[in-house]
Each structure stands twice: as C-alpha cells, then as structure tokens.
Amino acid sequence: MADEINYEYKTVQTVRGTDGLVISKMEKDGWELVAQAQGMLRSTLNFRRPKKPQPWLLIGAAAAALVILAIVIGAASALGDGDGKKDEPDKSMAAASEKPSATATATPTAAESAATEVITPENNPEFAALLLTEDTCGEANLDFATRYEGQTVAFNGSITHMAPHGDYKTRYDYLLGPGDEGPNATAGPAFKYEDINTGNLNLTGKKIPATVGIGDKFRFIAEVREFNAAQCLFFLAPVSTEVR
C-alpha cells in the first residue's frame, strides 16, 4: 500500500534507574518506545521510527540522464566509425589506459580501516568535549554512551585508582582519567575497567611493565559499554593499552 509506513528498529540496554533519561534522549531523536523489559539489573528498551522515504524522483532523474548520456555516446561512436578509417588504436592512449592511475582509490589495509573507525578527540568534537567535562554525572556521559555503545574510542590518559575486584588477588577494577594527572585528574568522565587482570589490558609499547599502578600513563583504546548514572561511572572494555 502507498500509505504503509516502514520502520527502522533499535534495541538499547540500560542500567535500571536510567530508563527515563534514555527514553527522553531517544524520543528527541525521533524514536518511539514500543516495548520495555526489566531485568534484575538492566532494562531492555525497544524503539522504532519511520524510515526516511527514498528520493525516487531524484533516482529516476539520474537514471534518465544516464540513458540520454548512453545514447549520445553511442551516436558519437557511430559517427566516428563512419569516416572509413580503420586505424589501430592510438598506442599512447592504450599505454595510458594500461598504466595504473596515481589518483585511483587504493584499497585500505586492515589497519587503516580500523583506524578510521576509532573515535578520538581529534576526529569527534563530541568526544573531545566529553574529555574536558568536570561533571562526571552529567547527561553528556549518558548521551555519548547511548549513541556510541559498542564503538571504539582512543585517548591519552592515566590510572586514577585501582583496587582488587571482590575477593580476587589478581583481578582489579581500574578507574581511568584523561590526561596525565593520575589521581589528581579533575576533568573527564570516570572511566572504569571492571574485573580484569593485567593481561586483559593488552599492553603494548617499547617497554612493557610487569605491573601497572595508579598514576601510570597510557594510550587507552577501549570499547564503549555503558554509563551507570547511579554510580556516575562510564564503563569501557579494554582493547589495547600503549605505554606512554
């Protein structure tokens, strides 16, 4: 039917107690809440919003233009062949066509592809502003975590605090902050790695330490997990940790 509405769907998991903030944020972006399931610690929210209509008129116009262009090229080719000349193709043109173009788009390597997907303060103004915030409980933390959940971020920072996770002796909870101030850091979210050992940090660099501690400086590359508004903690999962 011509009037049938096509929807796109999105599922968001939140820490219980933050449902209202997430729903409000998603509704501002045009999403409609269609289902909500509450678990012991997390809630699952299902949203939908109408898909934007395809610009069929523009697509049709482009197709028509291509057809006309093909007719013109065909006519020009027929006229060119009608002068009775059967010369061989211009060798200089053939050579030029065989030579790889310097401006051709190269296939990106795996490393380059990965690099373009990593969010940094240099390529994402929203992340740059987040690293400068002094409000670790502010809505900007939830907005960023909701928008970029599952994506990778990279920033220069240091360990602001660490403690054993529960009763473990080799697994820790780490708090990270942007910059080099360690426990004296005053800006940026309270990033947290939870329940990991030193091996999970995936340390890299010229001189890899046997242990890490409060105040140590690194280049953190991590996956965005979630923001716990009740604890004011921004959870990340380590991807790699480069010694600085």
Protein backbone atom coordinates (compact mmCIF):
# COMPACT_ATOMS: atom_id res chain seq x y z
CA MET A 1 0.00 0.00 0.00
CA ALA A 2 1.18 3.50 -0.79
CA ASP A 3 0.43 4.78 2.72
CA GLU A 4 2.17 1.91 4.54
CA ILE A 5 4.83 3.16 6.96
CA ASN A 6 8.20 1.41 7.01
CA TYR A 7 10.04 1.48 10.32
CA GLU A 8 13.60 1.01 11.47
CA TYR A 9 14.15 -0.58 14.86
CA LYS A 10 16.73 -0.25 17.62
CA THR A 11 17.24 -2.02 20.95
CA VAL A 12 19.03 -0.28 23.85
CA GLN A 13 20.07 -1.83 27.15
CA THR A 14 20.21 0.46 30.16
CA VAL A 15 21.06 0.22 33.84
CA ARG A 16 17.83 0.25 35.82
CA GLY A 17 17.08 3.71 37.08
CA THR A 18 18.28 5.42 33.91
CA ASP A 19 15.37 4.30 31.69
CA GLY A 20 13.71 7.71 31.75
CA LEU A 21 16.84 9.56 30.64
CA VAL A 22 17.45 7.14 27.78
CA ILE A 23 13.82 7.20 26.62
CA SER A 24 13.81 11.00 26.66
CA LYS A 25 17.03 11.12 24.66
CA MET A 26 15.80 8.62 22.08
CA GLU A 27 12.45 10.41 21.69
CA LYS A 28 14.31 13.65 20.95
CA ASP A 29 15.99 11.79 18.07
CA GLY A 30 12.60 10.72 16.70
CA TRP A 31 12.40 7.20 18.20
CA GLU A 32 9.17 5.76 19.64
CA LEU A 33 9.28 3.31 22.58
CA VAL A 34 7.38 0.14 21.63
CA ALA A 35 8.47 -2.35 24.31
CA GLN A 36 10.25 -2.35 27.67
CA ALA A 37 11.53 -5.39 29.55
CA GLN A 38 13.03 -5.00 33.03
CA GLY A 39 15.60 -7.41 34.43
CA MET A 40 17.31 -7.56 37.80
CA LEU A 41 19.99 -5.01 36.89
CA ARG A 42 19.23 -3.87 33.35
CA SER A 43 16.29 -2.91 31.25
CA THR A 44 15.86 -3.63 27.55
CA LEU A 45 14.16 -0.88 25.56
CA ASN A 46 12.89 -1.42 22.02
CA PHE A 47 12.35 1.62 19.80
CA ARG A 48 11.17 2.29 16.29
CA ARG A 49 10.91 5.30 13.99
CA PRO A 50 9.66 5.78 10.42
CA LYS A 51 12.28 5.29 7.75
CA LYS A 52 13.00 8.32 5.62
CA PRO A 53 11.38 7.95 2.17
CA GLN A 54 13.72 7.22 -0.69
CA PRO A 55 14.18 10.14 -3.11
CA TRP A 56 12.63 8.24 -6.01
CA LEU A 57 12.23 11.34 -8.15
CA LEU A 58 15.94 12.11 -7.93
CA ILE A 59 16.83 8.49 -8.62
CA GLY A 60 14.52 8.45 -11.67
CA ALA A 61 16.02 11.69 -12.99
CA ALA A 62 19.54 10.31 -12.58
CA ALA A 63 18.59 7.12 -14.42
CA ALA A 64 17.06 9.12 -17.28
CA ALA A 65 20.22 11.23 -17.52
CA LEU A 66 22.35 8.07 -17.77
CA VAL A 67 20.16 6.73 -20.58
CA ILE A 68 20.47 10.00 -22.52
CA LEU A 69 24.24 10.02 -21.99
CA ALA A 70 24.50 6.45 -23.31
CA ILE A 71 22.54 7.44 -26.46
CA VAL A 72 24.80 10.45 -27.07
CA ILE A 73 27.95 8.35 -26.63
CA GLY A 74 26.57 5.69 -28.97
CA ALA A 75 25.74 8.27 -31.64
CA ALA A 76 29.17 9.86 -31.39
CA SER A 77 30.81 6.45 -31.71
CA ALA A 78 28.76 5.64 -34.84
CA LEU A 79 29.71 8.94 -36.46
CA GLY A 80 33.35 8.40 -35.66
CA ASP A 81 33.37 4.96 -37.31
CA GLY A 82 31.63 6.22 -40.48
CA ASP A 83 34.67 8.01 -41.96
CA GLY A 84 36.06 4.76 -43.39
CA LYS A 85 39.28 4.84 -41.38
CA LYS A 86 40.39 1.58 -39.77
CA ASP A 87 43.45 2.87 -37.97
CA GLU A 88 44.74 0.97 -34.99
CA PRO A 89 44.01 2.46 -31.60
CA ASP A 90 46.35 5.24 -30.52
CA LYS A 91 49.24 3.47 -28.78
CA SER A 92 49.77 6.40 -26.44
CA MET A 93 46.16 6.19 -25.30
CA ALA A 94 46.44 2.42 -24.87
CA ALA A 95 49.57 2.83 -22.79
CA ALA A 96 47.92 5.47 -20.67
CA SER A 97 44.94 3.21 -20.05
CA GLU A 98 47.24 0.35 -19.01
CA LYS A 99 49.20 2.49 -16.57
CA PRO A 100 47.66 2.49 -13.08
CA SER A 101 46.23 5.84 -12.17
CA ALA A 102 48.06 7.63 -9.36
CA THR A 103 44.78 9.11 -8.22
CA ALA A 104 42.91 5.79 -8.07
CA THR A 105 41.43 4.96 -4.70
CA ALA A 106 43.62 2.36 -3.02
CA THR A 107 42.07 -0.49 -1.12
CA PRO A 108 42.60 0.37 2.56
CA THR A 109 44.60 -2.02 4.69
CA ALA A 110 43.02 -3.65 7.72
CA ALA A 111 44.93 -1.26 9.98
CA GLU A 112 43.75 1.79 8.05
CA SER A 113 40.15 0.56 8.10
CA ALA A 114 40.34 0.03 11.84
CA ALA A 115 41.91 3.44 12.36
CA THR A 116 39.05 5.22 10.61
CA GLU A 117 36.57 3.54 12.94
CA VAL A 118 38.27 4.60 16.19
CA ILE A 119 36.76 7.68 17.86
CA THR A 120 39.37 10.17 19.09
CA PRO A 121 39.26 13.76 20.39
CA GLU A 122 40.74 14.83 17.06
CA ASN A 123 38.03 13.33 14.84
CA ASN A 124 34.99 13.61 17.13
CA PRO A 125 34.18 17.01 18.73
CA GLU A 126 31.60 15.37 20.99
CA PHE A 127 34.26 13.08 22.47
CA ALA A 128 36.72 15.97 22.78
CA ALA A 129 34.17 17.96 24.81
CA LEU A 130 33.38 14.92 26.96
CA LEU A 131 37.04 14.53 27.95
CA LEU A 132 37.06 18.13 29.20
CA THR A 133 33.87 17.96 31.25
CA GLU A 134 34.10 18.35 35.01
CA ASP A 135 30.65 16.83 35.58
CA THR A 136 31.18 13.07 35.85
CA CYS A 137 27.43 12.58 36.37
CA GLY A 138 26.26 14.91 33.60
CA GLU A 139 23.83 13.91 30.86
CA ALA A 140 26.62 14.25 28.29
CA ASN A 141 28.05 10.97 29.62
CA LEU A 142 24.79 9.10 29.06
CA ASP A 143 24.25 10.71 25.66
CA PHE A 144 27.68 9.63 24.44
CA ALA A 145 27.44 6.11 25.87
CA THR A 146 23.99 5.59 24.31
CA ARG A 147 24.99 6.96 20.90
CA TYR A 148 28.34 5.16 20.60
CA GLU A 149 27.75 1.91 22.52
CA GLY A 150 29.91 -0.87 21.05
CA GLN A 151 32.21 1.52 19.18
CA THR A 152 35.89 2.09 19.92
CA VAL A 153 37.46 5.18 21.47
CA ALA A 154 41.11 6.16 21.97
CA PHE A 155 42.60 8.79 24.29
CA ASN A 156 45.70 9.63 26.29
CA GLY A 157 45.08 9.12 29.98
CA SER A 158 46.29 7.66 33.24
CA ILE A 159 45.13 5.33 36.01
CA THR A 160 43.42 7.38 38.72
CA HIS A 161 42.57 4.49 41.04
CA MET A 162 42.72 0.69 41.17
CA ALA A 163 41.56 -1.93 43.66
CA PRO A 164 41.09 -5.72 43.76
CA HIS A 165 37.79 -6.86 42.31
CA GLY A 166 35.87 -8.52 45.12
CA ASP A 167 37.99 -11.19 46.82
CA TYR A 168 40.30 -11.69 43.84
CA LYS A 169 44.03 -11.11 44.22
CA THR A 170 44.90 -10.85 40.52
CA ARG A 171 41.77 -9.20 39.10
CA TYR A 172 41.16 -5.49 39.51
CA ASP A 173 38.81 -2.59 38.93
CA TYR A 174 40.55 0.38 37.30
CA LEU A 175 39.43 4.00 37.15
CA LEU A 176 40.88 5.96 34.23
CA GLY A 177 41.03 9.68 33.56
CA PRO A 178 42.07 11.75 30.53
CA GLY A 179 45.45 13.47 30.70
CA ASP A 180 48.49 12.79 32.84
CA GLU A 181 47.31 13.79 36.32
CA GLY A 182 46.55 10.31 37.67
CA PRO A 183 44.63 10.54 40.97
CA ASN A 184 44.67 14.34 40.71
CA ALA A 185 42.68 14.39 37.46
CA THR A 186 39.73 16.80 37.62
CA ALA A 187 38.36 16.66 34.07
CA GLY A 188 36.66 13.96 32.07
CA PRO A 189 34.33 11.07 32.87
CA ALA A 190 35.14 8.44 35.50
CA PHE A 191 36.02 5.71 33.01
CA LYS A 192 36.08 2.23 34.52
CA TYR A 193 37.56 -1.14 33.59
CA GLU A 194 35.87 -3.73 35.79
CA ASP A 195 37.04 -7.22 36.80
CA ILE A 196 40.14 -7.57 34.62
CA ASN A 197 43.71 -8.71 35.16
CA THR A 198 46.89 -7.16 33.80
CA GLY A 199 46.81 -9.44 30.76
CA ASN A 200 43.37 -8.12 29.79
CA LEU A 201 44.91 -4.65 29.35
CA ASN A 202 46.73 -5.93 26.23
CA LEU A 203 49.78 -3.79 26.96
CA THR A 204 51.84 -2.58 24.02
CA GLY A 205 54.77 -0.22 23.55
CA LYS A 206 58.55 -0.21 23.61
CA LYS A 207 58.87 -1.05 27.31
CA ILE A 208 56.01 -3.11 28.70
CA PRO A 209 55.92 -3.13 32.53
CA ALA A 210 55.34 -6.30 34.54
CA THR A 211 52.77 -4.49 36.67
CA VAL A 212 50.75 -1.28 36.45
CA GLY A 213 49.71 1.16 39.14
CA ILE A 214 47.99 4.41 40.00
CA GLY A 215 49.42 7.35 38.05
CA ASP A 216 50.78 5.27 35.16
CA LYS A 217 50.20 6.94 31.79
CA PHE A 218 48.89 5.12 28.73
CA ARG A 219 47.23 5.48 25.36
CA PHE A 220 43.91 3.74 26.05
CA ILE A 221 41.95 2.12 23.22
CA ALA A 222 38.66 0.73 24.51
CA GLU A 223 35.14 -0.29 23.58
CA VAL A 224 32.24 1.84 24.85
CA ARG A 225 29.95 -0.22 27.11
CA GLU A 226 27.51 1.85 29.18
CA PHE A 227 27.12 4.75 31.60
CA ASN A 228 25.81 3.98 35.10
CA ALA A 229 24.04 7.17 36.14
CA ALA A 230 23.50 5.93 39.70
CA GLN A 231 27.26 5.41 40.23
CA CYS A 232 28.42 8.11 37.80
CA LEU A 233 30.71 5.54 36.18
CA PHE A 234 31.40 5.27 32.45
CA PHE A 235 32.20 1.61 31.70
CA LEU A 236 34.72 0.67 28.99
CA ALA A 237 36.25 -2.64 27.89
CA PRO A 238 39.99 -2.63 27.10
CA VAL A 239 41.13 -3.24 23.54
CA SER A 240 44.79 -2.23 23.88
CA THR A 241 46.87 -0.16 26.28
CA GLU A 242 50.01 1.53 24.94
CA VAL A 243 52.69 2.67 27.38
CA ARG A 244 53.50 6.36 27.08
